[in-house]
C-alpha cells in the first residue's frame, strides 16, 4: 500500500460518515473522508497519477463510485495506470 495512504485509510471506519456519504456515488469531499486525507492531498495525488478510481463528472461536480474506492484500497492503492476496476 502507498505510504501516504497507509497512515490513515480505514475503509471500515464509517462512524464519521453521514447517511448521504453511504451512497453509491460520492463526491471528492466524501472520498477524502473515506481515505482520511485532505482535499488538497487528494488533488496532489490525482495530478501525480496515484489515485486509481475513475472520476465521473456531472457538470462541475466530481464523483467517484464508492465501491471502486473501497476495492482500490483493498487492492493496495495501485497507481492509475495499474488500476483496473472489476465493478459489479
C-alpha atoms as a PDB file:
ATOM      1  CA  UNK A   1       0.000   0.000   0.000  1.00  0.00           C
ATOM      2  CA  UNK A   2       1.195   3.519  -0.721  1.00  0.00           C
ATOM      3  CA  UNK A   3       2.832   5.183   2.295  1.00  0.00           C
ATOM      4  CA  UNK A   4       0.813   8.406   2.086  1.00  0.00           C
ATOM      5  CA  UNK A   5      -2.394   6.400   2.350  1.00  0.00           C
ATOM      6  CA  UNK A   6      -1.226   3.660   4.695  1.00  0.00           C
ATOM      7  CA  UNK A   7      -1.160   6.106   7.590  1.00  0.00           C
ATOM      8  CA  UNK A   8      -4.866   6.838   7.522  1.00  0.00           C
ATOM      9  CA  UNK A   9      -7.212   4.901   5.301  1.00  0.00           C
ATOM     10  CA  UNK A  10      -9.517   2.602   7.185  1.00  0.00           C
ATOM     11  CA  UNK A  11     -12.480   1.846   4.963  1.00  0.00           C
ATOM     12  CA  UNK A  12     -14.353   0.101   7.769  1.00  0.00           C
ATOM     13  CA  UNK A  13     -14.293   3.247   9.923  1.00  0.00           C
ATOM     14  CA  UNK A  14     -17.598   4.779   8.761  1.00  0.00           C
ATOM     15  CA  UNK A  15     -18.691   6.282  12.086  1.00  0.00           C
ATOM     16  CA  UNK A  16     -17.912   9.834  10.884  1.00  0.00           C
ATOM     17  CA  UNK A  17     -19.916   9.481   7.669  1.00  0.00           C
ATOM     18  CA  UNK A  18     -23.500  10.652   7.281  1.00  0.00           C
ATOM     19  CA  UNK A  19     -26.185   8.566   5.536  1.00  0.00           C
ATOM     20  CA  UNK A  20     -25.644  10.702   2.415  1.00  0.00           C
ATOM     21  CA  UNK A  21     -21.980   9.639   2.467  1.00  0.00           C
ATOM     22  CA  UNK A  22     -23.056   5.992   2.174  1.00  0.00           C
ATOM     23  CA  UNK A  23     -24.448   6.467  -1.353  1.00  0.00           C
ATOM     24  CA  UNK A  24     -23.231   4.681  -4.499  1.00  0.00           C
ATOM     25  CA  UNK A  25     -21.575   7.822  -5.862  1.00  0.00           C
ATOM     26  CA  UNK A  26     -19.619  10.078  -3.533  1.00  0.00           C
ATOM     27  CA  UNK A  27     -18.108  13.487  -4.152  1.00  0.00           C
ATOM     28  CA  UNK A  28     -14.441  14.276  -3.595  1.00  0.00           C
ATOM     29  CA  UNK A  29     -15.084  15.520  -0.047  1.00  0.00           C
ATOM     30  CA  UNK A  30     -16.643  12.204   0.983  1.00  0.00           C
ATOM     31  CA  UNK A  31     -13.921  10.236  -0.832  1.00  0.00           C
ATOM     32  CA  UNK A  32     -11.367  12.209   1.183  1.00  0.00           C
ATOM     33  CA  UNK A  33     -13.221  11.301   4.391  1.00  0.00           C
ATOM     34  CA  UNK A  34     -13.170   7.635   3.372  1.00  0.00           C
ATOM     35  CA  UNK A  35      -9.450   7.798   2.618  1.00  0.00           C
ATOM     36  CA  UNK A  36      -8.741  10.023   5.627  1.00  0.00           C
ATOM     37  CA  UNK A  37      -6.760  12.507   3.564  1.00  0.00           C
ATOM     38  CA  UNK A  38      -7.237  16.205   2.877  1.00  0.00           C
ATOM     39  CA  UNK A  39      -8.861  17.512  -0.280  1.00  0.00           C
ATOM     40  CA  UNK A  40      -5.594  19.228  -1.262  1.00  0.00           C
ATOM     41  CA  UNK A  41      -3.688  15.958  -0.815  1.00  0.00           C
ATOM     42  CA  UNK A  42      -6.264  14.128  -2.949  1.00  0.00           C
ATOM     43  CA  UNK A  43      -5.754  16.549  -5.835  1.00  0.00           C
ATOM     44  CA  UNK A  44      -1.950  16.402  -5.465  1.00  0.00           C
ATOM     45  CA  UNK A  45      -2.023  12.612  -5.637  1.00  0.00           C
ATOM     46  CA  UNK A  46      -4.511  12.675  -8.530  1.00  0.00           C
ATOM     47  CA  UNK A  47      -2.225  15.011 -10.500  1.00  0.00           C
ATOM     48  CA  UNK A  48       0.680  12.659  -9.837  1.00  0.00           C
ATOM     49  CA  UNK A  49      -1.352   9.692 -11.166  1.00  0.00           C
ATOM     50  CA  UNK A  50      -1.584   7.955  -7.795  1.00  0.00           C
ATOM     51  CA  UNK A  51      -5.381   7.950  -7.428  1.00  0.00           C
ATOM     52  CA  UNK A  52      -6.750   4.928  -9.266  1.00  0.00           C
ATOM     53  CA  UNK A  53     -10.555   5.213  -9.205  1.00  0.00           C
ATOM     54  CA  UNK A  54     -12.050   6.854 -12.269  1.00  0.00           C
ATOM     55  CA  UNK A  55     -13.869  10.111 -11.673  1.00  0.00           C
ATOM     56  CA  UNK A  56     -17.326  10.818 -13.063  1.00  0.00           C
ATOM     57  CA  UNK A  57     -18.044  14.444 -13.914  1.00  0.00           C
ATOM     58  CA  UNK A  58     -21.593  15.770 -13.731  1.00  0.00           C
ATOM     59  CA  UNK A  59     -21.386  19.417 -14.638  1.00  0.00           C
ATOM     60  CA  UNK A  60     -18.750  20.817 -12.295  1.00  0.00           C
ATOM     61  CA  UNK A  61     -19.235  18.089  -9.716  1.00  0.00           C
ATOM     62  CA  UNK A  62     -16.637  15.314  -9.487  1.00  0.00           C
ATOM     63  CA  UNK A  63     -17.988  11.984  -8.256  1.00  0.00           C
ATOM     64  CA  UNK A  64     -16.429   8.591  -7.597  1.00  0.00           C
ATOM     65  CA  UNK A  65     -18.011   5.172  -7.223  1.00  0.00           C
ATOM     66  CA  UNK A  66     -17.826   4.302  -3.537  1.00  0.00           C
ATOM     67  CA  UNK A  67     -17.405   0.589  -4.345  1.00  0.00           C
ATOM     68  CA  UNK A  68     -14.486   1.352  -6.643  1.00  0.00           C
ATOM     69  CA  UNK A  69     -12.760   3.457  -3.978  1.00  0.00           C
ATOM     70  CA  UNK A  70     -13.193   0.630  -1.457  1.00  0.00           C
ATOM     71  CA  UNK A  71     -11.884  -2.009  -3.886  1.00  0.00           C
ATOM     72  CA  UNK A  72      -8.963   0.230  -4.850  1.00  0.00           C
ATOM     73  CA  UNK A  73      -7.896   0.483  -1.200  1.00  0.00           C
ATOM     74  CA  UNK A  74      -8.368  -3.279  -0.727  1.00  0.00           C
ATOM     75  CA  UNK A  75      -6.099  -3.829  -3.760  1.00  0.00           C
ATOM     76  CA  UNK A  76      -3.312  -1.814  -2.124  1.00  0.00           C
ATOM     77  CA  UNK A  77      -3.952   1.566  -3.822  1.00  0.00           C
ATOM     78  CA  UNK A  78      -2.224   0.905  -7.128  1.00  0.00           C
ATOM     79  CA  UNK A  79      -1.472   3.936  -9.339  1.00  0.00           C
ATOM     80  CA  UNK A  80      -3.994   4.910 -12.007  1.00  0.00           C
ATOM     81  CA  UNK A  81      -2.099   3.218 -14.852  1.00  0.00           C
ATOM     82  CA  UNK A  82      -2.154  -0.122 -12.998  1.00  0.00           C
ATOM     83  CA  UNK A  83      -5.713   0.059 -11.654  1.00  0.00           C
ATOM     84  CA  UNK A  84      -8.386  -1.957 -13.445  1.00  0.00           C
ATOM     85  CA  UNK A  85     -11.705  -1.954 -11.600  1.00  0.00           C
ATOM     86  CA  UNK A  86     -13.818  -5.056 -11.848  1.00  0.00           C
ATOM     87  CA  UNK A  87     -17.098  -3.366 -10.996  1.00  0.00           C
ATOM     88  CA  UNK A  88     -20.249  -5.142 -10.048  1.00  0.00           C
END
